[in-house]
Amino acid sequence: MAIFILASSSPRRHLLISECGVEFTVGVKYDCEEDYPEHMPSEEVSLFLSKKKSEAYPEKLLEGEVLVTADTTVIINGRVLGKPSTRNEAIEMLLSLSATEHHVITAVTLRDKDHSHTFMETSIVHFRKLTMNDIEFYVDNFNPYDKAGAYGIQEWIGEHGVERIEGSLSNIIGFPVERFKKEAKTFLLK
């Protein structure tokens, strides 16, 4: 039986992978710069970063271990919105998402000692028109700084700011549970 090693400190990813019904441990903490080539197409960024995180993992994988790395990006009009570092940056990101739609892409890399496989899932989020009061309330009362696009759909803004979604909700939260189950099953048969 495979043991999955989740190389992420995200509590959201921990919760989501636990819902998959697979045995997993949390990998060692390590640093991996989340930079990518400047002219890379926005829809390829998550794939690139997920693979990069997998390759940067500092421990050798043993027989029966499967490393799981993931990266989520929010893309609006071809522009990648990362994690905001300041209050103003978070406010600007949420203003840009107001009354429009954007794509959320999560890429996941599965790697054992012999091979790896990367897949991605895309969901579309449609935001209502957000007022400045809505945005400031969210930024000041929640934690937008550890989330791509400055928001977590599972928080207050999801109920008050999101009009509808197309695709997987778990993908928008940061880990595509349904797709992971299928891909992991196929990967383990190799």
Protein backbone atom coordinates (compact mmCIF):
# COMPACT_ATOMS: atom_id res chain seq x y z
CA MET A 1 0.00 0.00 0.00
CA ALA A 2 1.38 3.40 -1.00
CA ILE A 3 2.04 6.12 1.50
CA PHE A 4 1.41 9.59 0.15
CA ILE A 5 3.66 12.40 1.33
CA LEU A 6 2.00 15.80 1.03
CA ALA A 7 4.65 18.46 0.56
CA SER A 8 2.52 21.39 1.68
CA SER A 9 2.00 23.32 4.87
CA SER A 10 -1.47 24.46 3.75
CA PRO A 11 -4.14 23.41 6.27
CA ARG A 12 -6.68 23.54 3.43
CA ARG A 13 -4.71 20.98 1.42
CA HIS A 14 -4.28 18.77 4.50
CA LEU A 15 -8.04 18.75 5.01
CA LEU A 16 -8.84 18.14 1.34
CA ILE A 17 -6.39 15.26 0.87
CA SER A 18 -7.67 13.64 4.06
CA GLU A 19 -11.12 13.61 2.42
CA CYS A 20 -9.70 11.41 -0.36
CA GLY A 21 -9.47 8.45 1.97
CA VAL A 22 -5.76 7.90 1.35
CA GLU A 23 -3.12 7.44 4.00
CA PHE A 24 -0.76 10.41 3.97
CA THR A 25 1.91 12.13 5.99
CA VAL A 26 3.05 15.71 5.80
CA GLY A 27 6.50 16.04 4.27
CA VAL A 28 9.44 17.91 5.70
CA LYS A 29 9.25 21.68 5.47
CA TYR A 30 11.48 23.10 2.73
CA ASP A 31 11.83 26.26 0.70
CA CYS A 32 11.09 26.49 -2.99
CA GLU A 33 10.98 29.86 -4.71
CA GLU A 34 7.66 30.24 -6.47
CA ASP A 35 9.11 32.06 -9.45
CA TYR A 36 8.66 31.17 -13.09
CA PRO A 37 9.87 32.42 -16.48
CA GLU A 38 8.57 35.91 -17.15
CA HIS A 39 6.97 35.16 -20.52
CA MET A 40 5.47 31.78 -19.60
CA PRO A 41 1.79 31.52 -20.61
CA SER A 42 -0.34 32.02 -17.49
CA GLU A 43 -2.12 28.68 -17.89
CA GLU A 44 1.23 26.84 -17.63
CA VAL A 45 2.43 28.49 -14.40
CA SER A 46 0.77 26.04 -11.98
CA LEU A 47 2.15 23.06 -13.91
CA PHE A 48 5.63 24.55 -13.84
CA LEU A 49 5.51 25.37 -10.11
CA SER A 50 4.03 22.03 -9.07
CA LYS A 51 6.85 20.20 -10.89
CA LYS A 52 9.42 22.61 -9.46
CA LYS A 53 8.19 21.96 -5.92
CA SER A 54 8.40 18.22 -6.53
CA GLU A 55 11.95 18.40 -7.87
CA ALA A 56 13.05 20.64 -4.97
CA TYR A 57 11.82 18.20 -2.29
CA PRO A 58 14.96 17.48 -0.23
CA GLU A 59 14.38 13.88 0.82
CA LYS A 60 14.90 10.74 -1.23
CA LEU A 61 11.69 8.78 -1.80
CA LEU A 62 11.59 5.18 -0.60
CA GLU A 63 9.79 2.23 -2.17
CA GLY A 64 6.03 2.71 -1.74
CA GLU A 65 6.18 6.46 -1.10
CA VAL A 66 4.43 8.93 -3.41
CA LEU A 67 5.23 12.61 -3.08
CA VAL A 68 2.35 15.00 -3.74
CA THR A 69 3.05 18.65 -4.58
CA ALA A 70 0.54 21.22 -5.76
CA ASP A 71 0.26 24.80 -6.88
CA THR A 72 -2.82 26.97 -7.35
CA THR A 73 -2.96 30.09 -9.47
CA VAL A 74 -5.71 32.63 -10.04
CA ILE A 75 -5.73 34.02 -13.56
CA ILE A 76 -7.67 37.03 -14.78
CA ASN A 77 -7.32 38.27 -18.36
CA GLY A 78 -4.10 36.28 -18.80
CA ARG A 79 -2.51 37.75 -15.65
CA VAL A 80 -1.48 35.54 -12.75
CA LEU A 81 -2.54 36.78 -9.32
CA GLY A 82 -0.26 35.35 -6.67
CA LYS A 83 -0.45 35.78 -2.92
CA PRO A 84 -0.64 39.44 -1.88
CA SER A 85 2.08 40.75 0.40
CA THR A 86 0.37 43.95 1.55
CA ARG A 87 -3.13 45.15 2.43
CA ASN A 88 -3.17 47.44 -0.61
CA GLU A 89 -2.12 44.60 -2.90
CA ALA A 90 -4.92 42.40 -1.52
CA ILE A 91 -7.46 45.20 -2.03
CA GLU A 92 -6.25 45.78 -5.62
CA MET A 93 -6.52 42.07 -6.42
CA LEU A 94 -10.07 41.86 -5.10
CA LEU A 95 -11.04 45.02 -6.98
CA SER A 96 -9.77 43.42 -10.19
CA LEU A 97 -11.88 40.29 -9.51
CA SER A 98 -15.06 42.26 -8.76
CA ALA A 99 -17.90 41.86 -11.28
CA THR A 100 -15.91 39.55 -13.52
CA GLU A 101 -14.87 35.95 -13.97
CA HIS A 102 -11.47 34.38 -13.46
CA HIS A 103 -9.85 30.97 -13.73
CA VAL A 104 -8.44 28.98 -10.84
CA ILE A 105 -5.91 26.37 -11.90
CA THR A 106 -4.45 23.81 -9.54
CA ALA A 107 -1.69 21.53 -10.78
CA VAL A 108 -0.69 18.44 -8.83
CA THR A 109 2.47 16.39 -9.27
CA LEU A 110 2.66 12.78 -8.13
CA ARG A 111 6.19 11.35 -7.92
CA ASP A 112 7.62 8.10 -6.65
CA LYS A 113 11.23 6.91 -6.78
CA ASP A 114 10.90 5.89 -10.45
CA HIS A 115 8.56 8.29 -12.23
CA SER A 116 6.28 11.31 -11.97
CA HIS A 117 2.99 12.55 -13.37
CA THR A 118 1.53 16.07 -13.34
CA PHE A 119 -2.07 17.02 -14.06
CA MET A 120 -4.12 20.17 -13.69
CA GLU A 121 -7.71 21.11 -13.03
CA THR A 122 -9.35 24.39 -14.04
CA SER A 123 -12.42 25.99 -12.48
CA ILE A 124 -14.10 29.30 -13.29
CA VAL A 125 -15.29 31.70 -10.59
CA HIS A 126 -17.79 34.50 -11.28
CA PHE A 127 -17.69 37.34 -8.75
CA ARG A 128 -20.52 39.75 -8.02
CA LYS A 129 -19.79 43.46 -7.89
CA LEU A 130 -17.89 43.99 -4.63
CA THR A 131 -18.11 47.29 -2.79
CA MET A 132 -15.02 48.82 -1.22
CA ASN A 133 -16.66 48.13 2.17
CA ASP A 134 -16.98 44.43 1.27
CA ILE A 135 -13.36 44.24 0.19
CA GLU A 136 -11.97 46.09 3.20
CA PHE A 137 -14.10 44.02 5.58
CA TYR A 138 -12.77 40.81 4.06
CA VAL A 139 -9.13 41.93 3.99
CA ASP A 140 -9.28 43.22 7.58
CA ASN A 141 -11.12 40.24 9.09
CA PHE A 142 -9.75 37.26 7.19
CA ASN A 143 -6.31 36.22 5.99
CA PRO A 144 -5.92 36.98 2.28
CA TYR A 145 -2.11 36.89 2.42
CA ASP A 146 -1.66 33.13 2.12
CA LYS A 147 -4.09 32.72 -0.78
CA ALA A 148 -3.64 33.15 -4.51
CA GLY A 149 -5.87 35.99 -5.69
CA ALA A 150 -6.22 37.26 -2.09
CA TYR A 151 -9.30 35.22 -1.23
CA GLY A 152 -10.52 31.88 0.04
CA ILE A 153 -13.85 30.80 -1.45
CA GLN A 154 -14.62 28.82 1.72
CA GLU A 155 -14.56 32.05 3.74
CA TRP A 156 -17.03 34.96 4.04
CA ILE A 157 -16.25 36.28 0.58
CA GLY A 158 -17.30 33.00 -1.01
CA GLU A 159 -20.84 33.39 0.21
CA HIS A 160 -21.08 37.16 -0.23
CA GLY A 161 -18.95 37.80 -3.28
CA VAL A 162 -19.18 34.73 -5.50
CA GLU A 163 -22.11 34.58 -7.87
CA ARG A 164 -21.38 31.09 -9.24
CA ILE A 165 -18.64 28.64 -10.07
CA GLU A 166 -18.01 26.28 -12.95
CA GLY A 167 -16.04 23.17 -12.08
CA SER A 168 -14.63 21.76 -8.88
CA LEU A 169 -15.07 23.65 -5.60
CA SER A 170 -12.21 21.70 -3.95
CA ASN A 171 -9.97 22.81 -6.83
CA ILE A 172 -10.77 26.45 -6.04
CA ILE A 173 -9.98 25.84 -2.37
CA GLY A 174 -6.59 24.47 -3.44
CA PHE A 175 -6.69 20.73 -4.16
CA PRO A 176 -8.87 18.97 -6.78
CA VAL A 177 -10.10 16.03 -4.68
CA GLU A 178 -12.15 14.23 -7.33
CA ARG A 179 -9.45 14.44 -9.99
CA PHE A 180 -6.72 13.46 -7.50
CA LYS A 181 -8.55 10.22 -6.64
CA LYS A 182 -8.67 9.20 -10.32
CA GLU A 183 -5.11 10.26 -11.13
CA ALA A 184 -3.63 8.64 -8.01
CA LYS A 185 -5.35 5.33 -8.78
CA THR A 186 -3.93 5.34 -12.32
CA PHE A 187 -0.48 6.41 -11.09
CA LEU A 188 -0.32 3.53 -8.59
CA LEU A 189 -1.01 1.00 -11.35
CA LYS A 190 2.15 1.98 -13.26
